[in-house]
């Protein structure tokens, strides 16, 4: 994922799409690493918080990675914003969501009632 995002950043001219990819990648990778470090801490127990094992440094470093260039919550907002912007480009004729189509049988005649 990191390689594909890096390659897209080097080659793609659509910076909105690249911004979304970068945010998705940063969020996914940092959250995955945090889960791995958390599980490792669970395995080794309290000694994981001491400097006997390099695990405490890894824990601090990965925590810093998730907040350094923007928190994962901000990354999620960027992803949503860029996705909606990208979606709007592809549907230039109709930018608004059609809520009537959300129903399971939206096209059924008895479902369409205008009063």
N, C-alpha and C. Protein backbone atom coordinates (compact mmCIF):
# COMPACT_ATOMS: atom_id res chain seq x y z
N UNK A 1 0.83 -1.19 0.00
CA UNK A 1 0.00 0.00 0.00
C UNK A 1 0.87 1.25 0.00
N UNK A 2 1.91 1.24 0.80
CA UNK A 2 2.82 2.39 0.86
C UNK A 2 3.52 2.57 -0.49
N UNK A 3 3.96 1.47 -1.09
CA UNK A 3 4.63 1.54 -2.38
C UNK A 3 3.70 2.10 -3.45
N UNK A 4 2.47 1.59 -3.51
CA UNK A 4 1.51 2.05 -4.52
C UNK A 4 1.19 3.53 -4.34
N UNK A 5 1.05 3.96 -3.10
CA UNK A 5 0.77 5.37 -2.83
C UNK A 5 1.95 6.24 -3.20
N UNK A 6 3.15 5.80 -2.88
CA UNK A 6 4.35 6.56 -3.24
C UNK A 6 4.49 6.68 -4.75
N UNK A 7 4.21 5.60 -5.43
CA UNK A 7 4.29 5.61 -6.89
C UNK A 7 3.24 6.55 -7.48
N UNK A 8 2.04 6.52 -6.93
CA UNK A 8 0.98 7.42 -7.40
C UNK A 8 1.37 8.88 -7.16
N UNK A 9 1.99 9.15 -6.02
CA UNK A 9 2.41 10.52 -5.72
C UNK A 9 3.46 11.00 -6.71
N UNK A 10 4.29 10.10 -7.18
CA UNK A 10 5.33 10.46 -8.15
C UNK A 10 4.77 10.63 -9.56
N UNK A 11 3.75 9.87 -9.92
CA UNK A 11 3.32 9.80 -11.31
C UNK A 11 1.99 10.48 -11.61
N UNK A 12 1.09 10.55 -10.67
CA UNK A 12 -0.27 11.02 -10.95
C UNK A 12 -0.33 12.54 -10.83
N UNK A 13 -1.02 13.15 -11.76
CA UNK A 13 -1.14 14.60 -11.74
C UNK A 13 -2.33 15.08 -10.92
N UNK A 14 -3.29 14.19 -10.64
CA UNK A 14 -4.48 14.56 -9.88
C UNK A 14 -4.15 14.55 -8.39
N UNK A 15 -3.81 15.71 -7.87
CA UNK A 15 -3.37 15.78 -6.48
C UNK A 15 -4.48 15.51 -5.47
N UNK A 16 -5.74 15.72 -5.86
CA UNK A 16 -6.84 15.40 -4.95
C UNK A 16 -6.88 13.89 -4.69
N UNK A 17 -6.71 13.12 -5.75
CA UNK A 17 -6.70 11.66 -5.63
C UNK A 17 -5.49 11.20 -4.81
N UNK A 18 -4.35 11.81 -5.07
CA UNK A 18 -3.12 11.44 -4.34
C UNK A 18 -3.26 11.81 -2.86
N UNK A 19 -3.86 12.96 -2.57
CA UNK A 19 -4.05 13.37 -1.18
C UNK A 19 -4.91 12.34 -0.44
N UNK A 20 -5.95 11.84 -1.11
CA UNK A 20 -6.80 10.82 -0.51
C UNK A 20 -6.02 9.53 -0.28
N UNK A 21 -5.23 9.11 -1.26
CA UNK A 21 -4.44 7.89 -1.11
C UNK A 21 -3.44 8.01 0.04
N UNK A 22 -2.79 9.14 0.13
CA UNK A 22 -1.80 9.35 1.20
C UNK A 22 -2.49 9.29 2.56
N UNK A 23 -3.62 9.93 2.69
CA UNK A 23 -4.34 9.93 3.97
C UNK A 23 -4.82 8.53 4.32
N UNK A 24 -5.36 7.80 3.34
CA UNK A 24 -5.80 6.43 3.59
C UNK A 24 -4.64 5.55 4.02
N UNK A 25 -3.52 5.68 3.33
CA UNK A 25 -2.36 4.86 3.64
C UNK A 25 -1.82 5.16 5.02
N UNK A 26 -1.67 6.45 5.35
CA UNK A 26 -1.14 6.82 6.66
C UNK A 26 -2.05 6.30 7.77
N UNK A 27 -3.34 6.46 7.60
CA UNK A 27 -4.28 6.00 8.62
C UNK A 27 -4.23 4.48 8.77
N UNK A 28 -4.27 3.77 7.68
CA UNK A 28 -4.27 2.31 7.73
C UNK A 28 -2.97 1.76 8.31
N UNK A 29 -1.85 2.26 7.84
CA UNK A 29 -0.55 1.74 8.29
C UNK A 29 -0.31 2.04 9.76
N UNK A 30 -0.60 3.26 10.20
CA UNK A 30 -0.34 3.57 11.62
C UNK A 30 -1.28 2.79 12.53
N UNK A 31 -2.54 2.64 12.13
CA UNK A 31 -3.46 1.86 12.97
C UNK A 31 -3.07 0.38 13.00
N UNK A 32 -2.62 -0.15 11.89
CA UNK A 32 -2.18 -1.55 11.85
C UNK A 32 -0.95 -1.75 12.73
N UNK A 33 -0.01 -0.84 12.64
CA UNK A 33 1.19 -0.94 13.47
C UNK A 33 0.85 -0.82 14.96
N UNK A 34 -0.08 0.06 15.29
CA UNK A 34 -0.48 0.19 16.68
C UNK A 34 -1.10 -1.09 17.21
N UNK A 35 -1.89 -1.77 16.38
CA UNK A 35 -2.48 -3.04 16.80
C UNK A 35 -1.41 -4.10 17.03
N UNK A 36 -0.41 -4.13 16.16
CA UNK A 36 0.68 -5.10 16.31
C UNK A 36 1.46 -4.84 17.59
N UNK A 37 1.79 -3.58 17.84
CA UNK A 37 2.55 -3.25 19.05
C UNK A 37 1.70 -3.52 20.29
N UNK A 38 0.43 -3.22 20.23
CA UNK A 38 -0.46 -3.50 21.36
C UNK A 38 -0.48 -5.00 21.67
N UNK A 39 -0.61 -5.81 20.63
CA UNK A 39 -0.60 -7.26 20.84
C UNK A 39 0.73 -7.75 21.41
N UNK A 40 1.82 -7.17 20.94
CA UNK A 40 3.14 -7.54 21.48
C UNK A 40 3.24 -7.17 22.96
N UNK A 41 2.69 -6.00 23.32
CA UNK A 41 2.68 -5.59 24.73
C UNK A 41 1.86 -6.55 25.57
N UNK A 42 0.76 -7.04 25.03
CA UNK A 42 -0.08 -7.99 25.74
C UNK A 42 0.68 -9.29 25.99
N UNK A 43 1.51 -9.68 25.04
CA UNK A 43 2.26 -10.93 25.18
C UNK A 43 3.34 -10.81 26.26
N UNK A 44 4.11 -9.72 26.22
CA UNK A 44 5.24 -9.62 27.15
C UNK A 44 4.84 -9.06 28.51
N UNK A 45 3.69 -8.42 28.59
CA UNK A 45 3.24 -7.90 29.88
C UNK A 45 3.92 -6.60 30.27
N UNK A 46 4.02 -6.37 31.57
CA UNK A 46 4.55 -5.12 32.11
C UNK A 46 5.98 -4.81 31.72
N UNK A 47 6.76 -5.82 31.43
CA UNK A 47 8.16 -5.57 31.05
C UNK A 47 8.24 -4.83 29.72
N UNK A 48 7.15 -4.86 28.96
CA UNK A 48 7.11 -4.13 27.69
C UNK A 48 7.19 -2.63 27.87
N UNK A 49 6.80 -2.12 29.06
CA UNK A 49 6.87 -0.69 29.33
C UNK A 49 8.24 -0.25 29.82
N UNK A 50 9.09 -1.18 30.14
CA UNK A 50 10.43 -0.82 30.61
C UNK A 50 11.37 -0.71 29.42
N UNK A 51 12.57 -0.22 29.68
CA UNK A 51 13.54 -0.11 28.59
C UNK A 51 14.39 -1.37 28.44
N UNK A 52 13.97 -2.46 29.06
CA UNK A 52 14.65 -3.74 28.91
C UNK A 52 14.46 -4.26 27.48
N UNK A 53 13.25 -4.08 26.97
CA UNK A 53 12.93 -4.50 25.60
C UNK A 53 12.76 -3.26 24.73
N UNK A 54 13.04 -3.37 23.44
CA UNK A 54 12.85 -2.21 22.56
C UNK A 54 11.39 -1.90 22.28
N UNK A 55 10.49 -2.68 22.86
CA UNK A 55 9.07 -2.53 22.59
C UNK A 55 8.53 -1.18 23.06
N UNK A 56 9.02 -0.67 24.18
CA UNK A 56 8.52 0.62 24.66
C UNK A 56 8.90 1.75 23.71
N UNK A 57 10.07 1.68 23.11
CA UNK A 57 10.48 2.69 22.14
C UNK A 57 9.63 2.59 20.87
N UNK A 58 9.39 1.36 20.44
CA UNK A 58 8.54 1.14 19.25
C UNK A 58 7.14 1.68 19.52
N UNK A 59 6.63 1.44 20.71
CA UNK A 59 5.30 1.93 21.08
C UNK A 59 5.25 3.46 21.02
N UNK A 60 6.25 4.11 21.58
CA UNK A 60 6.29 5.58 21.54
C UNK A 60 6.42 6.09 20.12
N UNK A 61 7.28 5.44 19.32
CA UNK A 61 7.49 5.89 17.94
C UNK A 61 6.24 5.74 17.08
N UNK A 62 5.54 4.64 17.23
CA UNK A 62 4.35 4.44 16.41
C UNK A 62 3.22 5.35 16.86
N UNK A 63 3.18 5.65 18.15
CA UNK A 63 2.18 6.62 18.64
C UNK A 63 2.46 7.99 18.05
N UNK A 64 3.71 8.36 18.00
CA UNK A 64 4.09 9.64 17.41
C UNK A 64 3.76 9.66 15.92
N UNK A 65 3.94 8.55 15.23
CA UNK A 65 3.65 8.49 13.79
C UNK A 65 2.17 8.73 13.52
N UNK A 66 1.31 8.33 14.45
CA UNK A 66 -0.12 8.50 14.21
C UNK A 66 -0.59 9.93 14.44
N UNK A 67 0.24 10.77 15.08
CA UNK A 67 -0.18 12.15 15.33
C UNK A 67 0.76 13.19 14.72
N UNK A 68 1.89 12.79 14.21
CA UNK A 68 2.91 13.75 13.78
C UNK A 68 2.46 14.65 12.64
N UNK A 69 2.06 14.10 11.51
CA UNK A 69 1.69 14.93 10.37
C UNK A 69 0.18 15.06 10.21
N UNK A 70 -0.53 14.85 11.27
CA UNK A 70 -1.99 14.93 11.26
C UNK A 70 -2.54 13.68 11.92
N UNK A 71 -3.45 13.86 12.82
CA UNK A 71 -3.99 12.71 13.53
C UNK A 71 -4.79 11.83 12.58
N UNK A 72 -5.01 10.59 12.99
CA UNK A 72 -5.77 9.68 12.15
C UNK A 72 -7.21 10.15 11.96
N UNK A 73 -7.74 10.90 12.92
CA UNK A 73 -9.08 11.45 12.77
C UNK A 73 -9.10 12.50 11.65
N UNK A 74 -8.06 13.31 11.59
CA UNK A 74 -7.94 14.29 10.51
C UNK A 74 -7.77 13.58 9.17
N UNK A 75 -6.99 12.50 9.15
CA UNK A 75 -6.81 11.72 7.93
C UNK A 75 -8.15 11.16 7.44
N UNK A 76 -8.99 10.71 8.37
CA UNK A 76 -10.31 10.19 7.99
C UNK A 76 -11.17 11.30 7.39
N UNK A 77 -11.08 12.51 7.94
CA UNK A 77 -11.84 13.62 7.37
C UNK A 77 -11.34 13.99 5.98
N UNK A 78 -10.03 13.96 5.78
CA UNK A 78 -9.47 14.25 4.46
C UNK A 78 -9.92 13.20 3.46
N UNK A 79 -9.89 11.94 3.86
CA UNK A 79 -10.33 10.86 2.97
C UNK A 79 -11.78 11.08 2.57
N UNK A 80 -12.64 11.37 3.52
CA UNK A 80 -14.05 11.59 3.21
C UNK A 80 -14.23 12.79 2.30
N UNK A 81 -13.56 13.87 2.60
CA UNK A 81 -13.68 15.09 1.80
C UNK A 81 -13.22 14.85 0.36
N UNK A 82 -12.07 14.24 0.21
CA UNK A 82 -11.55 14.00 -1.14
C UNK A 82 -12.37 12.96 -1.89
N UNK A 83 -12.92 11.98 -1.16
CA UNK A 83 -13.76 10.99 -1.83
C UNK A 83 -15.01 11.65 -2.38
N UNK A 84 -15.65 12.50 -1.58
CA UNK A 84 -16.85 13.19 -2.06
C UNK A 84 -16.52 14.13 -3.22
N UNK A 85 -15.38 14.78 -3.15
CA UNK A 85 -14.98 15.66 -4.24
C UNK A 85 -14.74 14.85 -5.52
N UNK A 86 -14.04 13.72 -5.37
CA UNK A 86 -13.77 12.85 -6.52
C UNK A 86 -15.07 12.27 -7.07
N UNK A 87 -15.97 11.87 -6.20
CA UNK A 87 -17.26 11.34 -6.61
C UNK A 87 -18.04 12.40 -7.38
N UNK A 88 -17.96 13.63 -6.93
CA UNK A 88 -18.65 14.72 -7.61
C UNK A 88 -18.12 14.98 -9.00
N UNK A 89 -16.82 14.78 -9.22
CA UNK A 89 -16.25 14.96 -10.55
C UNK A 89 -16.81 13.95 -11.52
N UNK A 90 -16.99 12.71 -11.05
CA UNK A 90 -17.49 11.66 -11.93
C UNK A 90 -18.98 11.77 -12.19
N UNK A 91 -19.68 12.44 -11.31
CA UNK A 91 -21.13 12.61 -11.47
C UNK A 91 -21.44 14.10 -11.54
N UNK A 92 -20.83 14.77 -12.48
CA UNK A 92 -20.97 16.22 -12.59
C UNK A 92 -22.42 16.63 -12.86
N UNK A 93 -23.16 15.80 -13.55
CA UNK A 93 -24.53 16.14 -13.87
C UNK A 93 -25.43 16.07 -12.63
N UNK A 94 -25.12 15.17 -11.72
CA UNK A 94 -25.98 14.98 -10.55
C UNK A 94 -25.10 14.85 -9.31
N UNK A 95 -24.89 15.94 -8.60
CA UNK A 95 -24.01 15.93 -7.44
C UNK A 95 -24.71 15.50 -6.16
N UNK A 96 -26.02 15.65 -6.11
CA UNK A 96 -26.74 15.34 -4.88
C UNK A 96 -27.06 13.84 -4.80
N UNK A 97 -27.14 13.35 -3.60
CA UNK A 97 -27.48 11.95 -3.37
C UNK A 97 -28.98 11.75 -3.57
N UNK A 98 -29.35 10.64 -4.19
CA UNK A 98 -30.75 10.30 -4.41
C UNK A 98 -31.19 9.38 -3.29
N UNK A 99 -31.81 9.95 -2.24
CA UNK A 99 -32.18 9.18 -1.07
C UNK A 99 -33.28 8.18 -1.35
N UNK A 100 -34.10 8.44 -2.35
CA UNK A 100 -35.18 7.51 -2.68
C UNK A 100 -34.62 6.17 -3.16
N UNK A 101 -33.46 6.15 -3.72
CA UNK A 101 -32.86 4.92 -4.23
C UNK A 101 -32.27 4.05 -3.11
N UNK A 102 -32.22 4.55 -1.90
CA UNK A 102 -31.67 3.78 -0.78
C UNK A 102 -32.59 2.63 -0.36
N UNK A 103 -33.87 2.73 -0.69
CA UNK A 103 -34.81 1.67 -0.32
C UNK A 103 -34.51 0.41 -1.12
N UNK A 104 -34.79 -0.74 -0.50
CA UNK A 104 -34.49 -2.02 -1.15
C UNK A 104 -35.23 -2.19 -2.47
N UNK A 105 -36.49 -1.80 -2.49
CA UNK A 105 -37.30 -1.92 -3.71
C UNK A 105 -37.74 -0.52 -4.14
N UNK A 106 -36.79 0.32 -4.41
CA UNK A 106 -37.07 1.71 -4.71
C UNK A 106 -37.88 1.89 -5.99
N UNK A 107 -37.73 0.98 -6.93
CA UNK A 107 -38.42 1.12 -8.21
C UNK A 107 -39.83 0.53 -8.21
N UNK A 108 -40.24 -0.12 -7.12
CA UNK A 108 -41.57 -0.72 -7.07
C UNK A 108 -42.64 0.38 -7.09
N UNK A 109 -43.71 0.13 -7.83
CA UNK A 109 -44.75 1.15 -8.02
C UNK A 109 -45.41 1.55 -6.70
N UNK A 110 -45.61 0.60 -5.80
CA UNK A 110 -46.27 0.93 -4.55
C UNK A 110 -45.34 1.64 -3.56
N UNK A 111 -44.07 1.69 -3.86
CA UNK A 111 -43.12 2.41 -3.01
C UNK A 111 -43.07 3.90 -3.33
N UNK A 112 -43.41 4.24 -4.55
CA UNK A 112 -43.31 5.63 -4.99
C UNK A 112 -44.64 6.32 -4.72
N UNK A 113 -44.72 7.05 -3.63
CA UNK A 113 -45.93 7.75 -3.24
C UNK A 113 -45.56 9.21 -3.00
N UNK A 114 -46.13 10.08 -3.76
CA UNK A 114 -45.87 11.50 -3.62
C UNK A 114 -47.14 12.17 -3.10
N UNK A 115 -47.11 12.68 -1.92
CA UNK A 115 -48.29 13.36 -1.34
C UNK A 115 -47.94 14.74 -0.91
